[in-house]
Amino acid sequence: MPQDAHHKAAEHHENAAKAHRTAAEHHGKGDHEAGKKHSATALEHSGKAHEASQAAHQKSQQQK
């Protein structure tokens, strides 16, 4: 179902955003080691979000 694919993509986008905010918070406090860790997590989720978004788009196109 395309809607499930869109939900999966949205979850990855939300996880990436949360990790970005957490990374910024740590960097702002001078805790750069934790900031780097959360930045890496954000990058991972961003990549998954991109892949899931592409898959959702393809599934939506097949439904037309």
N, C-alpha and C. Protein backbone atom coordinates (compact mmCIF):
# COMPACT_ATOMS: atom_id res chain seq x y z
N MET A 1 0.83 -1.18 0.00
CA MET A 1 0.00 0.00 0.00
C MET A 1 0.89 1.26 0.00
N PRO A 2 0.61 2.17 -0.90
CA PRO A 2 1.42 3.39 -0.96
C PRO A 2 1.40 4.20 0.32
N GLN A 3 0.27 4.22 1.03
CA GLN A 3 0.20 5.02 2.25
C GLN A 3 1.18 4.50 3.29
N ASP A 4 1.36 3.19 3.40
CA ASP A 4 2.34 2.63 4.32
C ASP A 4 3.74 3.10 3.96
N ALA A 5 4.03 3.15 2.68
CA ALA A 5 5.34 3.61 2.22
C ALA A 5 5.56 5.07 2.60
N HIS A 6 4.51 5.88 2.48
CA HIS A 6 4.62 7.29 2.84
C HIS A 6 4.81 7.46 4.34
N HIS A 7 4.14 6.62 5.12
CA HIS A 7 4.31 6.68 6.58
C HIS A 7 5.74 6.31 6.97
N LYS A 8 6.28 5.30 6.30
CA LYS A 8 7.65 4.87 6.58
C LYS A 8 8.62 6.01 6.26
N ALA A 9 8.41 6.65 5.12
CA ALA A 9 9.28 7.77 4.73
C ALA A 9 9.16 8.90 5.76
N ALA A 10 7.94 9.19 6.19
CA ALA A 10 7.73 10.26 7.17
C ALA A 10 8.43 9.95 8.49
N GLU A 11 8.39 8.70 8.91
CA GLU A 11 9.08 8.31 10.15
C GLU A 11 10.58 8.56 10.06
N HIS A 12 11.16 8.20 8.92
CA HIS A 12 12.60 8.43 8.74
C HIS A 12 12.91 9.93 8.72
N HIS A 13 12.06 10.72 8.08
CA HIS A 13 12.26 12.18 8.07
C HIS A 13 12.19 12.73 9.48
N GLU A 14 11.22 12.26 10.27
CA GLU A 14 11.08 12.73 11.65
C GLU A 14 12.29 12.32 12.50
N ASN A 15 12.78 11.09 12.29
CA ASN A 15 13.96 10.63 13.03
C ASN A 15 15.19 11.45 12.66
N ALA A 16 15.32 11.77 11.38
CA ALA A 16 16.45 12.59 10.94
C ALA A 16 16.37 13.98 11.57
N ALA A 17 15.18 14.57 11.57
CA ALA A 17 15.02 15.91 12.14
C ALA A 17 15.34 15.90 13.64
N LYS A 18 14.89 14.87 14.33
CA LYS A 18 15.17 14.78 15.77
C LYS A 18 16.67 14.67 16.02
N ALA A 19 17.34 13.84 15.23
CA ALA A 19 18.78 13.68 15.39
C ALA A 19 19.52 14.98 15.07
N HIS A 20 19.05 15.72 14.05
CA HIS A 20 19.66 17.01 13.71
C HIS A 20 19.51 17.99 14.87
N ARG A 21 18.31 18.04 15.45
CA ARG A 21 18.09 18.95 16.58
C ARG A 21 18.97 18.58 17.76
N THR A 22 19.08 17.29 18.03
CA THR A 22 19.90 16.82 19.15
C THR A 22 21.37 17.14 18.89
N ALA A 23 21.82 16.94 17.66
CA ALA A 23 23.21 17.26 17.31
C ALA A 23 23.48 18.75 17.52
N ALA A 24 22.56 19.58 17.07
CA ALA A 24 22.73 21.04 17.22
C ALA A 24 22.79 21.42 18.70
N GLU A 25 21.96 20.77 19.49
CA GLU A 25 21.95 21.06 20.93
C GLU A 25 23.30 20.72 21.56
N HIS A 26 23.84 19.57 21.21
CA HIS A 26 25.13 19.15 21.77
C HIS A 26 26.26 20.06 21.29
N HIS A 27 26.24 20.39 20.00
CA HIS A 27 27.28 21.29 19.48
C HIS A 27 27.20 22.64 20.17
N GLY A 28 25.96 23.11 20.39
CA GLY A 28 25.77 24.39 21.06
C GLY A 28 26.30 24.41 22.48
N LYS A 29 26.29 23.25 23.12
CA LYS A 29 26.79 23.14 24.49
C LYS A 29 28.29 22.82 24.54
N GLY A 30 28.90 22.71 23.35
CA GLY A 30 30.33 22.41 23.29
C GLY A 30 30.66 20.93 23.36
N ASP A 31 29.65 20.08 23.38
CA ASP A 31 29.87 18.63 23.42
C ASP A 31 29.92 18.12 21.98
N HIS A 32 31.06 18.37 21.34
CA HIS A 32 31.19 18.08 19.92
C HIS A 32 31.24 16.59 19.61
N GLU A 33 31.73 15.79 20.54
CA GLU A 33 31.77 14.34 20.31
C GLU A 33 30.35 13.79 20.19
N ALA A 34 29.48 14.16 21.12
CA ALA A 34 28.09 13.72 21.05
C ALA A 34 27.40 14.34 19.83
N GLY A 35 27.75 15.58 19.52
CA GLY A 35 27.18 16.24 18.35
C GLY A 35 27.51 15.49 17.07
N LYS A 36 28.77 15.04 16.96
CA LYS A 36 29.18 14.27 15.77
C LYS A 36 28.40 12.96 15.67
N LYS A 37 28.21 12.33 16.81
CA LYS A 37 27.47 11.06 16.83
C LYS A 37 26.04 11.27 16.33
N HIS A 38 25.39 12.29 16.84
CA HIS A 38 24.01 12.56 16.43
C HIS A 38 23.93 13.06 15.00
N SER A 39 24.94 13.77 14.55
CA SER A 39 25.00 14.19 13.15
C SER A 39 25.09 12.98 12.23
N ALA A 40 25.89 12.00 12.62
CA ALA A 40 26.02 10.77 11.82
C ALA A 40 24.69 10.01 11.79
N THR A 41 24.02 9.98 12.94
CA THR A 41 22.71 9.33 12.99
C THR A 41 21.72 10.07 12.09
N ALA A 42 21.76 11.38 12.11
CA ALA A 42 20.87 12.18 11.26
C ALA A 42 21.14 11.89 9.79
N LEU A 43 22.39 11.79 9.42
CA LEU A 43 22.75 11.49 8.03
C LEU A 43 22.21 10.13 7.62
N GLU A 44 22.33 9.16 8.51
CA GLU A 44 21.83 7.81 8.23
C GLU A 44 20.31 7.84 8.01
N HIS A 45 19.60 8.51 8.90
CA HIS A 45 18.14 8.59 8.76
C HIS A 45 17.74 9.40 7.52
N SER A 46 18.52 10.41 7.19
CA SER A 46 18.23 11.21 6.00
C SER A 46 18.34 10.35 4.74
N GLY A 47 19.37 9.52 4.70
CA GLY A 47 19.53 8.60 3.56
C GLY A 47 18.37 7.62 3.46
N LYS A 48 17.98 7.08 4.60
CA LYS A 48 16.84 6.14 4.61
C LYS A 48 15.55 6.86 4.22
N ALA A 49 15.40 8.09 4.67
CA ALA A 49 14.22 8.88 4.32
C ALA A 49 14.16 9.12 2.82
N HIS A 50 15.30 9.43 2.24
CA HIS A 50 15.35 9.66 0.79
C HIS A 50 14.95 8.39 0.04
N GLU A 51 15.53 7.27 0.43
CA GLU A 51 15.20 6.00 -0.23
C GLU A 51 13.72 5.65 -0.06
N ALA A 52 13.20 5.83 1.15
CA ALA A 52 11.80 5.52 1.42
C ALA A 52 10.88 6.46 0.64
N SER A 53 11.28 7.71 0.51
CA SER A 53 10.47 8.67 -0.25
C SER A 53 10.42 8.29 -1.73
N GLN A 54 11.54 7.88 -2.26
CA GLN A 54 11.57 7.44 -3.65
C GLN A 54 10.70 6.21 -3.86
N ALA A 55 10.77 5.26 -2.93
CA ALA A 55 9.96 4.05 -3.02
C ALA A 55 8.47 4.40 -2.93
N ALA A 56 8.13 5.31 -2.03
CA ALA A 56 6.73 5.72 -1.88
C ALA A 56 6.24 6.39 -3.16
N HIS A 57 7.09 7.21 -3.73
CA HIS A 57 6.71 7.91 -4.98
C HIS A 57 6.47 6.88 -6.09
N GLN A 58 7.36 5.91 -6.20
CA GLN A 58 7.20 4.88 -7.23
C GLN A 58 5.91 4.10 -7.03
N LYS A 59 5.60 3.76 -5.79
CA LYS A 59 4.38 3.01 -5.51
C LYS A 59 3.15 3.85 -5.84
N SER A 60 3.23 5.15 -5.55
CA SER A 60 2.11 6.04 -5.87
C SER A 60 1.89 6.12 -7.38
N GLN A 61 2.98 6.17 -8.12
CA GLN A 61 2.89 6.25 -9.58
C GLN A 61 2.28 4.99 -10.17
N GLN A 62 2.54 3.85 -9.53
CA GLN A 62 1.99 2.57 -10.02
C GLN A 62 0.49 2.50 -9.80
N GLN A 63 -0.02 3.23 -8.82
CA GLN A 63 -1.45 3.21 -8.50
C GLN A 63 -2.29 4.02 -9.49
N LYS A 64 -1.64 4.88 -10.27
CA LYS A 64 -2.38 5.73 -11.21
C LYS A 64 -2.85 4.96 -12.41
